[in-house]
């Protein structure tokens, strides 16, 4: 039985990534299943390591990355 096959999205708004996440979670649950969920990330501030992580997260999951610098 198939569901409604609607678009699905997650919006992450953060001032920083304060933990080490495992990218394999996204590979296992999203990418290998034909990207059922798009991830959009919005960063407040300009920490470069956080920017790299959030940009990858959005771009690798068919989303978009936004940043608002101070």
PDB file of N, CA and C in Angstrom:
ATOM      1  N   UNK A   1       0.840  -1.174   0.000  1.00  0.00           N
ATOM      2  CA  UNK A   1       0.000   0.000   0.000  1.00  0.00           C
ATOM      3  C   UNK A   1       0.889   1.242   0.000  1.00  0.00           C
ATOM      4  N   UNK A   2       0.606   2.170  -0.864  1.00  0.00           N
ATOM      5  CA  UNK A   2       1.373   3.411  -0.954  1.00  0.00           C
ATOM      6  C   UNK A   2       0.652   4.518  -0.205  1.00  0.00           C
ATOM      7  N   UNK A   3       1.453   5.430   0.349  1.00  0.00           N
ATOM      8  CA  UNK A   3       0.885   6.597   1.000  1.00  0.00           C
ATOM      9  C   UNK A   3       0.549   7.654  -0.031  1.00  0.00           C
ATOM     10  N   UNK A   4       0.375   8.869   0.398  1.00  0.00           N
ATOM     11  CA  UNK A   4      -0.001   9.952  -0.497  1.00  0.00           C
ATOM     12  C   UNK A   4       1.157  10.453  -1.350  1.00  0.00           C
ATOM     13  N   UNK A   5       2.383   9.987  -1.044  1.00  0.00           N
ATOM     14  CA  UNK A   5       3.581  10.342  -1.819  1.00  0.00           C
ATOM     15  C   UNK A   5       3.798  11.860  -1.874  1.00  0.00           C
ATOM     16  N   UNK A   6       3.450  12.574  -0.805  1.00  0.00           N
ATOM     17  CA  UNK A   6       3.626  14.022  -0.728  1.00  0.00           C
ATOM     18  C   UNK A   6       5.089  14.371  -0.486  1.00  0.00           C
ATOM     19  N   UNK A   7       5.437  15.631  -0.720  1.00  0.00           N
ATOM     20  CA  UNK A   7       6.774  16.120  -0.390  1.00  0.00           C
ATOM     21  C   UNK A   7       6.938  16.161   1.117  1.00  0.00           C
ATOM     22  N   UNK A   8       8.148  15.873   1.575  1.00  0.00           N
ATOM     23  CA  UNK A   8       8.458  15.919   2.993  1.00  0.00           C
ATOM     24  C   UNK A   8       9.688  16.787   3.181  1.00  0.00           C
ATOM     25  N   UNK A   9       9.716  17.576   4.244  1.00  0.00           N
ATOM     26  CA  UNK A   9      10.854  18.460   4.492  1.00  0.00           C
ATOM     27  C   UNK A   9      11.076  18.633   5.992  1.00  0.00           C
ATOM     28  N   UNK A  10      12.340  18.879   6.329  1.00  0.00           N
ATOM     29  CA  UNK A  10      12.730  19.225   7.691  1.00  0.00           C
ATOM     30  C   UNK A  10      13.451  20.556   7.609  1.00  0.00           C
ATOM     31  N   UNK A  11      13.087  21.502   8.465  1.00  0.00           N
ATOM     32  CA  UNK A  11      13.741  22.808   8.529  1.00  0.00           C
ATOM     33  C   UNK A  11      14.503  22.879   9.839  1.00  0.00           C
ATOM     34  N   UNK A  12      15.821  23.109   9.754  1.00  0.00           N
ATOM     35  CA  UNK A  12      16.664  23.218  10.941  1.00  0.00           C
ATOM     36  C   UNK A  12      17.109  24.669  11.065  1.00  0.00           C
ATOM     37  N   UNK A  13      16.771  25.307  12.172  1.00  0.00           N
ATOM     38  CA  UNK A  13      17.198  26.678  12.456  1.00  0.00           C
ATOM     39  C   UNK A  13      18.067  26.602  13.704  1.00  0.00           C
ATOM     40  N   UNK A  14      19.318  27.081  13.599  1.00  0.00           N
ATOM     41  CA  UNK A  14      20.246  26.889  14.710  1.00  0.00           C
ATOM     42  C   UNK A  14      21.271  28.008  14.795  1.00  0.00           C
ATOM     43  N   UNK A  15      21.813  28.183  15.991  1.00  0.00           N
ATOM     44  CA  UNK A  15      22.945  29.084  16.193  1.00  0.00           C
ATOM     45  C   UNK A  15      24.253  28.324  16.146  1.00  0.00           C
ATOM     46  N   UNK A  16      24.183  27.022  16.045  1.00  0.00           N
ATOM     47  CA  UNK A  16      25.398  26.230  15.984  1.00  0.00           C
ATOM     48  C   UNK A  16      25.119  24.758  16.152  1.00  0.00           C
ATOM     49  N   UNK A  17      26.065  23.966  15.720  1.00  0.00           N
ATOM     50  CA  UNK A  17      25.976  22.523  15.872  1.00  0.00           C
ATOM     51  C   UNK A  17      26.882  22.176  17.045  1.00  0.00           C
ATOM     52  N   UNK A  18      26.293  21.794  18.164  1.00  0.00           N
ATOM     53  CA  UNK A  18      27.095  21.563  19.365  1.00  0.00           C
ATOM     54  C   UNK A  18      27.301  20.080  19.663  1.00  0.00           C
ATOM     55  N   UNK A  19      27.205  19.250  18.650  1.00  0.00           N
ATOM     56  CA  UNK A  19      27.441  17.820  18.828  1.00  0.00           C
ATOM     57  C   UNK A  19      28.029  17.261  17.536  1.00  0.00           C
ATOM     58  N   UNK A  20      28.642  16.118  17.629  1.00  0.00           N
ATOM     59  CA  UNK A  20      29.146  15.428  16.447  1.00  0.00           C
ATOM     60  C   UNK A  20      28.064  14.490  15.947  1.00  0.00           C
ATOM     61  N   UNK A  21      27.572  14.740  14.765  1.00  0.00           N
ATOM     62  CA  UNK A  21      26.549  13.871  14.207  1.00  0.00           C
ATOM     63  C   UNK A  21      27.197  12.876  13.252  1.00  0.00           C
ATOM     64  N   UNK A  22      26.530  11.804  13.020  1.00  0.00           N
ATOM     65  CA  UNK A  22      27.035  10.746  12.163  1.00  0.00           C
ATOM     66  C   UNK A  22      26.341  10.847  10.807  1.00  0.00           C
ATOM     67  N   UNK A  23      27.086  11.177   9.759  1.00  0.00           N
ATOM     68  CA  UNK A  23      26.472  11.335   8.437  1.00  0.00           C
ATOM     69  C   UNK A  23      25.891  10.031   7.912  1.00  0.00           C
ATOM     70  N   UNK A  24      26.313   8.918   8.463  1.00  0.00           N
ATOM     71  CA  UNK A  24      25.768   7.637   8.024  1.00  0.00           C
ATOM     72  C   UNK A  24      24.281   7.516   8.337  1.00  0.00           C
ATOM     73  N   UNK A  25      23.802   8.259   9.327  1.00  0.00           N
ATOM     74  CA  UNK A  25      22.369   8.265   9.635  1.00  0.00           C
ATOM     75  C   UNK A  25      21.589   8.731   8.411  1.00  0.00           C
ATOM     76  N   UNK A  26      22.070   9.794   7.767  1.00  0.00           N
ATOM     77  CA  UNK A  26      21.372  10.331   6.600  1.00  0.00           C
ATOM     78  C   UNK A  26      21.524   9.418   5.393  1.00  0.00           C
ATOM     79  N   UNK A  27      22.682   8.810   5.250  1.00  0.00           N
ATOM     80  CA  UNK A  27      22.877   7.869   4.148  1.00  0.00           C
ATOM     81  C   UNK A  27      21.956   6.665   4.294  1.00  0.00           C
ATOM     82  N   UNK A  28      21.834   6.176   5.513  1.00  0.00           N
ATOM     83  CA  UNK A  28      21.023   4.986   5.757  1.00  0.00           C
ATOM     84  C   UNK A  28      19.530   5.256   5.646  1.00  0.00           C
ATOM     85  N   UNK A  29      19.083   6.384   6.181  1.00  0.00           N
ATOM     86  CA  UNK A  29      17.650   6.631   6.277  1.00  0.00           C
ATOM     87  C   UNK A  29      17.090   7.548   5.206  1.00  0.00           C
ATOM     88  N   UNK A  30      17.927   8.207   4.423  1.00  0.00           N
ATOM     89  CA  UNK A  30      17.392   9.157   3.455  1.00  0.00           C
ATOM     90  C   UNK A  30      17.981   8.952   2.061  1.00  0.00           C
ATOM     91  N   UNK A  31      19.276   9.108   1.924  1.00  0.00           N
ATOM     92  CA  UNK A  31      19.898   9.078   0.608  1.00  0.00           C
ATOM     93  C   UNK A  31      19.708   7.743  -0.099  1.00  0.00           C
ATOM     94  N   UNK A  32      19.914   6.651   0.590  1.00  0.00           N
ATOM     95  CA  UNK A  32      19.771   5.337  -0.033  1.00  0.00           C
ATOM     96  C   UNK A  32      18.313   4.970  -0.320  1.00  0.00           C
ATOM     97  N   UNK A  33      17.403   5.796   0.130  1.00  0.00           N
ATOM     98  CA  UNK A  33      15.980   5.537  -0.109  1.00  0.00           C
ATOM     99  C   UNK A  33      15.405   6.598  -1.050  1.00  0.00           C
ATOM    100  N   UNK A  34      16.229   7.093  -1.975  1.00  0.00           N
ATOM    101  CA  UNK A  34      15.806   8.038  -3.008  1.00  0.00           C
ATOM    102  C   UNK A  34      15.318   9.371  -2.437  1.00  0.00           C
ATOM    103  N   UNK A  35      15.965   9.866  -1.399  1.00  0.00           N
ATOM    104  CA  UNK A  35      15.718  11.188  -0.819  1.00  0.00           C
ATOM    105  C   UNK A  35      14.246  11.470  -0.514  1.00  0.00           C
ATOM    106  N   UNK A  36      13.596  10.714   0.343  1.00  0.00           N
ATOM    107  CA  UNK A  36      12.191  11.003   0.618  1.00  0.00           C
ATOM    108  C   UNK A  36      11.989  12.308   1.401  1.00  0.00           C
ATOM    109  N   UNK A  37      13.022  12.772   2.114  1.00  0.00           N
ATOM    110  CA  UNK A  37      12.888  13.982   2.923  1.00  0.00           C
ATOM    111  C   UNK A  37      13.959  14.991   2.521  1.00  0.00           C
ATOM    112  N   UNK A  38      13.535  16.197   2.184  1.00  0.00           N
ATOM    113  CA  UNK A  38      14.480  17.290   1.901  1.00  0.00           C
ATOM    114  C   UNK A  38      14.783  18.002   3.208  1.00  0.00           C
ATOM    115  N   UNK A  39      16.044  18.408   3.377  1.00  0.00           N
ATOM    116  CA  UNK A  39      16.450  19.072   4.612  1.00  0.00           C
ATOM    117  C   UNK A  39      16.941  20.475   4.274  1.00  0.00           C
ATOM    118  N   UNK A  40      16.349  21.464   4.930  1.00  0.00           N
ATOM    119  CA  UNK A  40      16.722  22.863   4.765  1.00  0.00           C
ATOM    120  C   UNK A  40      17.339  23.328   6.078  1.00  0.00           C
ATOM    121  N   UNK A  41      18.468  24.044   5.996  1.00  0.00           N
ATOM    122  CA  UNK A  41      19.115  24.518   7.223  1.00  0.00           C
ATOM    123  C   UNK A  41      19.318  26.026   7.150  1.00  0.00           C
ATOM    124  N   UNK A  42      19.101  26.678   8.284  1.00  0.00           N
ATOM    125  CA  UNK A  42      19.240  28.126   8.419  1.00  0.00           C
ATOM    126  C   UNK A  42      20.129  28.382   9.622  1.00  0.00           C
ATOM    127  N   UNK A  43      21.296  28.961   9.367  1.00  0.00           N
ATOM    128  CA  UNK A  43      22.260  29.216  10.442  1.00  0.00           C
ATOM    129  C   UNK A  43      22.242  30.682  10.840  1.00  0.00           C
ATOM    130  N   UNK A  44      22.161  30.924  12.140  1.00  0.00           N
ATOM    131  CA  UNK A  44      22.268  32.270  12.691  1.00  0.00           C
ATOM    132  C   UNK A  44      23.677  32.392  13.257  1.00  0.00           C
ATOM    133  N   UNK A  45      24.461  33.325  12.778  1.00  0.00           N
ATOM    134  CA  UNK A  45      25.860  33.445  13.168  1.00  0.00           C
ATOM    135  C   UNK A  45      26.752  32.967  12.044  1.00  0.00           C
ATOM    136  N   UNK A  46      28.059  32.981  12.274  1.00  0.00           N
ATOM    137  CA  UNK A  46      28.961  32.674  11.167  1.00  0.00           C
ATOM    138  C   UNK A  46      30.112  31.742  11.541  1.00  0.00           C
ATOM    139  N   UNK A  47      29.871  30.785  12.422  1.00  0.00           N
ATOM    140  CA  UNK A  47      30.901  29.807  12.770  1.00  0.00           C
ATOM    141  C   UNK A  47      31.180  28.928  11.554  1.00  0.00           C
ATOM    142  N   UNK A  48      32.436  28.910  11.103  1.00  0.00           N
ATOM    143  CA  UNK A  48      32.759  28.238   9.843  1.00  0.00           C
ATOM    144  C   UNK A  48      32.569  26.723   9.888  1.00  0.00           C
ATOM    145  N   UNK A  49      32.908  26.071  11.004  1.00  0.00           N
ATOM    146  CA  UNK A  49      32.715  24.625  11.083  1.00  0.00           C
ATOM    147  C   UNK A  49      31.229  24.281  11.032  1.00  0.00           C
ATOM    148  N   UNK A  50      30.417  25.049  11.739  1.00  0.00           N
ATOM    149  CA  UNK A  50      28.973  24.833  11.698  1.00  0.00           C
ATOM    150  C   UNK A  50      28.446  25.048  10.283  1.00  0.00           C
ATOM    151  N   UNK A  51      28.944  26.061   9.602  1.00  0.00           N
ATOM    152  CA  UNK A  51      28.504  26.351   8.236  1.00  0.00           C
ATOM    153  C   UNK A  51      28.789  25.173   7.317  1.00  0.00           C
ATOM    154  N   UNK A  52      29.961  24.595   7.433  1.00  0.00           N
ATOM    155  CA  UNK A  52      30.330  23.449   6.601  1.00  0.00           C
ATOM    156  C   UNK A  52      29.387  22.278   6.846  1.00  0.00           C
ATOM    157  N   UNK A  53      29.113  21.986   8.097  1.00  0.00           N
ATOM    158  CA  UNK A  53      28.231  20.863   8.441  1.00  0.00           C
ATOM    159  C   UNK A  53      26.800  21.104   7.970  1.00  0.00           C
ATOM    160  N   UNK A  54      26.276  22.286   8.229  1.00  0.00           N
ATOM    161  CA  UNK A  54      24.892  22.580   7.866  1.00  0.00           C
ATOM    162  C   UNK A  54      24.710  22.662   6.353  1.00  0.00           C
ATOM    163  N   UNK A  55      25.713  23.194   5.657  1.00  0.00           N
ATOM    164  CA  UNK A  55      25.633  23.253   4.199  1.00  0.00           C
ATOM    165  C   UNK A  55      25.635  21.839   3.610  1.00  0.00           C
ATOM    166  N   UNK A  56      26.517  20.980   4.116  1.00  0.00           N
ATOM    167  CA  UNK A  56      26.540  19.595   3.635  1.00  0.00           C
ATOM    168  C   UNK A  56      25.197  18.916   3.894  1.00  0.00           C
ATOM    169  N   UNK A  57      24.684  19.101   5.093  1.00  0.00           N
ATOM    170  CA  UNK A  57      23.430  18.469   5.479  1.00  0.00           C
ATOM    171  C   UNK A  57      22.312  18.836   4.508  1.00  0.00           C
ATOM    172  N   UNK A  58      22.210  20.105   4.174  1.00  0.00           N
ATOM    173  CA  UNK A  58      21.160  20.556   3.256  1.00  0.00           C
ATOM    174  C   UNK A  58      21.423  20.089   1.826  1.00  0.00           C
ATOM    175  N   UNK A  59      22.614  20.312   1.343  1.00  0.00           N
ATOM    176  CA  UNK A  59      22.916  19.999  -0.059  1.00  0.00           C
ATOM    177  C   UNK A  59      22.899  18.496  -0.336  1.00  0.00           C
ATOM    178  N   UNK A  60      23.328  17.690   0.615  1.00  0.00           N
ATOM    179  CA  UNK A  60      23.342  16.235   0.419  1.00  0.00           C
ATOM    180  C   UNK A  60      21.948  15.634   0.504  1.00  0.00           C
ATOM    181  N   UNK A  61      20.963  16.409   0.952  1.00  0.00           N
ATOM    182  CA  UNK A  61      19.604  15.904   1.113  1.00  0.00           C
ATOM    183  C   UNK A  61      18.597  16.742   0.334  1.00  0.00           C
ATOM    184  N   UNK A  62      19.023  17.219  -0.843  1.00  0.00           N
ATOM    185  CA  UNK A  62      18.176  17.950  -1.786  1.00  0.00           C
ATOM    186  C   UNK A  62      17.489  19.172  -1.178  1.00  0.00           C
ATOM    187  N   UNK A  63      18.162  19.840  -0.252  1.00  0.00           N
ATOM    188  CA  UNK A  63      17.589  21.013   0.392  1.00  0.00           C
ATOM    189  C   UNK A  63      18.336  22.276   0.010  1.00  0.00           C
ATOM    190  N   UNK A  64      18.328  23.237   0.892  1.00  0.00           N
ATOM    191  CA  UNK A  64      18.974  24.521   0.666  1.00  0.00           C
ATOM    192  C   UNK A  64      19.538  25.000   1.988  1.00  0.00           C
ATOM    193  N   UNK A  65      20.695  25.643   1.933  1.00  0.00           N
ATOM    194  CA  UNK A  65      21.388  26.166   3.126  1.00  0.00           C
ATOM    195  C   UNK A  65      21.304  27.676   3.104  1.00  0.00           C
ATOM    196  N   UNK A  66      20.946  28.270   4.232  1.00  0.00           N
ATOM    197  CA  UNK A  66      20.872  29.716   4.386  1.00  0.00           C
ATOM    198  C   UNK A  66      21.707  30.126   5.593  1.00  0.00           C
ATOM    199  N   UNK A  67      22.294  31.311   5.554  1.00  0.00           N
ATOM    200  CA  UNK A  67      23.058  31.815   6.694  1.00  0.00           C
ATOM    201  C   UNK A  67      22.711  33.286   6.908  1.00  0.00           C
ATOM    202  N   UNK A  68      22.579  33.654   8.177  1.00  0.00           N
ATOM    203  CA  UNK A  68      22.384  35.060   8.561  1.00  0.00           C
ATOM    204  C   UNK A  68      23.559  35.415   9.451  1.00  0.00           C
ATOM    205  N   UNK A  69      24.508  36.175   8.902  1.00  0.00           N
ATOM    206  CA  UNK A  69      25.682  36.600   9.675  1.00  0.00           C
ATOM    207  C   UNK A  69      25.302  37.747  10.594  1.00  0.00           C
ATOM    208  N   UNK A  70      26.064  37.848  11.676  1.00  0.00           N
ATOM    209  CA  UNK A  70      25.829  38.941  12.639  1.00  0.00           C
ATOM    210  C   UNK A  70      26.251  40.259  12.081  1.00  0.00           C
TER     211      UNK A  70
END
